[in-house]
Amino acid sequence: MRSPESSRHAPEGHASPVRPVRRPSARPFAGASAGSLGEDILLARHGHQILRLRQDHRTGQTVATLRDGTTDAAPNRIEGGVLAPRPGESARLAWDSLTHGGNPESVRELRFLGRLSAIWIAVSLLLGALMVWGMATVMDPAAAEQLMSAYFGAAPLAETGAQTP
């Protein structure tokens, strides 16, 4: 892809060649110079009539000074959702559409998933508590110590010669 400036030539009837538009914010990438959306819009509108381009960061526009002394501006962003929303915004929008969308099926499904999650958490906590209670009451303390030390990679206290308090 070629840069828009590379194809410019002097307009007919003019003796001096057209100065290329200087883009201080552009970084060349693979042989083409990248600019803002406003620069592209202004180049499409006015082409070789542009003398100078500048960025107006306050308004988010690119302003072009033309040969006849007039100026024209173009926005650097297209409004209307061209940019992808941030993850938090998209999650909030999805949650709002599920809860306030007015669709009774989606609300019913959301409640079912909530109940299912609560039941799963309760069963997991109950099974974990039963395992701890079973180990504390049924297992021999030396066997429990050996099991836990083998799991964490440490030697049991009986093997190291240390005394338990």
Protein backbone atom coordinates (compact mmCIF):
# COMPACT_ATOMS: atom_id res chain seq x y z
CA MET A 1 0.00 0.00 0.00
CA ARG A 2 1.37 3.37 -0.96
CA SER A 3 1.18 6.55 1.02
CA PRO A 4 -1.31 9.19 -0.24
CA GLU A 5 1.54 11.70 -0.51
CA SER A 6 3.62 9.51 -2.80
CA SER A 7 1.10 9.70 -5.62
CA ARG A 8 0.75 13.49 -5.56
CA HIS A 9 2.05 15.57 -8.38
CA ALA A 10 2.04 19.24 -9.21
CA PRO A 11 -1.34 20.48 -10.41
CA GLU A 12 -1.52 21.57 -13.97
CA GLY A 13 -0.66 25.22 -14.49
CA HIS A 14 1.53 25.42 -11.36
CA ALA A 15 5.26 25.74 -11.78
CA SER A 16 6.28 24.69 -8.28
CA PRO A 17 5.64 21.18 -7.02
CA VAL A 18 3.21 20.66 -4.15
CA ARG A 19 4.85 20.32 -0.77
CA PRO A 20 4.06 16.97 0.83
CA VAL A 21 1.88 17.16 3.92
CA ARG A 22 4.02 16.71 6.99
CA ARG A 23 2.64 14.21 9.47
CA PRO A 24 4.59 14.52 12.71
CA SER A 25 2.47 11.92 14.49
CA ALA A 26 2.77 9.26 11.82
CA ARG A 27 5.00 6.26 12.20
CA PRO A 28 5.88 4.33 9.04
CA PHE A 29 4.71 0.73 9.03
CA ALA A 30 5.61 -1.63 6.21
CA GLY A 31 6.33 1.19 3.82
CA ALA A 32 3.10 3.12 4.42
CA SER A 33 2.67 6.05 6.72
CA ALA A 34 -0.16 5.72 9.19
CA GLY A 35 -2.16 8.76 10.18
CA SER A 36 -5.31 9.53 12.04
CA LEU A 37 -8.76 9.02 10.66
CA GLY A 38 -9.21 12.78 10.34
CA GLU A 39 -6.12 13.03 8.12
CA ASP A 40 -7.47 10.34 5.84
CA ILE A 41 -10.84 12.06 5.59
CA LEU A 42 -9.28 15.43 4.81
CA LEU A 43 -6.94 13.93 2.20
CA ALA A 44 -9.95 12.33 0.52
CA ARG A 45 -11.86 15.60 0.56
CA HIS A 46 -9.16 18.03 -0.55
CA GLY A 47 -6.18 16.03 -1.80
CA HIS A 48 -3.45 18.31 -3.20
CA GLN A 49 -5.12 21.49 -1.90
CA ILE A 50 -3.89 20.81 1.66
CA LEU A 51 -0.95 22.90 2.81
CA ARG A 52 -0.77 21.90 6.46
CA LEU A 53 -2.39 19.43 8.86
CA ARG A 54 -2.54 19.77 12.62
CA GLN A 55 -4.16 17.81 15.44
CA ASP A 56 -6.64 19.59 17.70
CA HIS A 57 -6.58 17.31 20.73
CA ARG A 58 -9.14 19.38 22.65
CA THR A 59 -11.88 18.67 20.12
CA GLY A 60 -10.48 15.37 18.81
CA GLN A 61 -10.19 16.64 15.25
CA THR A 62 -7.61 17.09 12.52
CA VAL A 63 -7.57 20.57 11.02
CA ALA A 64 -6.31 21.22 7.49
CA THR A 65 -5.19 24.58 6.11
CA LEU A 66 -5.96 24.75 2.40
CA ARG A 67 -4.24 26.67 -0.44
CA ASP A 68 -6.97 29.31 -0.60
CA GLY A 69 -6.50 30.12 3.12
CA THR A 70 -9.58 28.34 4.41
CA THR A 71 -9.56 25.57 6.96
CA ASP A 72 -11.49 22.34 7.22
CA ALA A 73 -11.74 19.87 10.09
CA ALA A 74 -12.54 16.16 10.34
CA PRO A 75 -13.09 13.98 13.44
CA ASN A 76 -10.42 11.49 14.48
CA ARG A 77 -13.01 8.99 15.73
CA ILE A 78 -16.14 7.56 14.21
CA GLU A 79 -18.94 7.76 16.74
CA GLY A 80 -21.37 4.91 17.05
CA GLY A 81 -19.54 1.97 18.52
CA VAL A 82 -16.66 1.37 16.13
CA LEU A 83 -14.28 0.85 19.03
CA ALA A 84 -14.78 -2.30 21.08
CA PRO A 85 -15.95 -1.69 24.65
CA ARG A 86 -13.64 -2.47 27.54
CA PRO A 87 -14.19 -5.85 29.24
CA GLY A 88 -15.89 -4.30 32.27
CA GLU A 89 -18.27 -2.32 30.07
CA SER A 90 -19.18 -5.33 27.94
CA ALA A 91 -19.81 -7.44 31.07
CA ARG A 92 -22.03 -4.70 32.53
CA LEU A 93 -23.97 -4.42 29.26
CA ALA A 94 -24.45 -8.19 29.13
CA TRP A 95 -25.63 -8.25 32.76
CA ASP A 96 -28.06 -5.38 32.13
CA SER A 97 -29.47 -7.08 29.04
CA LEU A 98 -29.98 -10.31 31.02
CA THR A 99 -31.60 -8.73 34.06
CA HIS A 100 -33.47 -5.77 32.58
CA GLY A 101 -34.07 -7.00 29.06
CA GLY A 102 -37.65 -7.91 29.83
CA ASN A 103 -37.13 -11.42 28.49
CA PRO A 104 -38.64 -13.76 31.12
CA GLU A 105 -36.73 -16.76 29.80
CA SER A 106 -33.35 -15.14 30.34
CA VAL A 107 -34.34 -14.04 33.87
CA ARG A 108 -35.56 -17.57 34.62
CA GLU A 109 -32.29 -19.05 33.31
CA LEU A 110 -30.26 -16.59 35.37
CA ARG A 111 -32.15 -17.53 38.55
CA PHE A 112 -31.69 -21.23 37.78
CA LEU A 113 -27.92 -20.75 37.33
CA GLY A 114 -27.78 -18.80 40.61
CA ARG A 115 -29.59 -21.56 42.50
CA LEU A 116 -27.41 -24.23 40.90
CA SER A 117 -24.24 -22.34 41.86
CA ALA A 118 -25.43 -21.87 45.46
CA ILE A 119 -26.24 -25.59 45.77
CA TRP A 120 -22.84 -26.53 44.31
CA ILE A 121 -21.00 -24.26 46.76
CA ALA A 122 -23.01 -25.60 49.72
CA VAL A 123 -22.35 -29.24 48.77
CA SER A 124 -18.63 -28.54 48.26
CA LEU A 125 -18.32 -26.86 51.66
CA LEU A 126 -20.24 -29.70 53.34
CA LEU A 127 -18.03 -32.39 51.75
CA GLY A 128 -14.87 -30.47 52.68
CA ALA A 129 -16.03 -30.10 56.29
CA LEU A 130 -16.91 -33.82 56.44
CA MET A 131 -13.45 -34.77 55.16
CA VAL A 132 -11.72 -32.60 57.75
CA TRP A 133 -13.97 -33.93 60.53
CA GLY A 134 -13.34 -37.50 59.39
CA MET A 135 -9.59 -37.03 59.35
CA ALA A 136 -9.64 -35.44 62.79
CA THR A 137 -11.77 -38.14 64.43
CA VAL A 138 -11.02 -41.37 62.58
CA MET A 139 -7.38 -41.15 61.48
CA ASP A 140 -4.45 -41.76 63.72
CA PRO A 141 -2.57 -38.46 64.32
CA ALA A 142 0.74 -40.02 63.17
CA ALA A 143 -0.87 -41.21 59.92
CA ALA A 144 -2.41 -37.77 59.34
CA GLU A 145 0.98 -36.14 59.95
CA GLN A 146 2.67 -38.53 57.55
CA LEU A 147 -0.01 -37.97 54.89
CA MET A 148 0.24 -34.18 55.15
CA SER A 149 4.05 -34.10 55.23
CA ALA A 150 4.24 -36.33 52.15
CA TYR A 151 1.77 -34.05 50.39
CA PHE A 152 3.70 -30.85 51.19
CA GLY A 153 7.12 -32.42 50.60
CA ALA A 154 8.44 -32.15 54.16
CA ALA A 155 9.71 -34.95 56.33
CA PRO A 156 7.54 -35.97 59.31
CA LEU A 157 8.67 -34.80 62.72
CA ALA A 158 9.39 -38.37 63.85
CA GLU A 159 11.97 -38.84 61.07
CA THR A 160 13.82 -35.57 61.75
CA GLY A 161 14.24 -36.29 65.45
CA ALA A 162 12.34 -33.19 66.50
CA GLN A 163 10.02 -33.41 69.44
CA THR A 164 6.46 -32.24 69.34
CA PRO A 165 5.57 -29.71 72.04
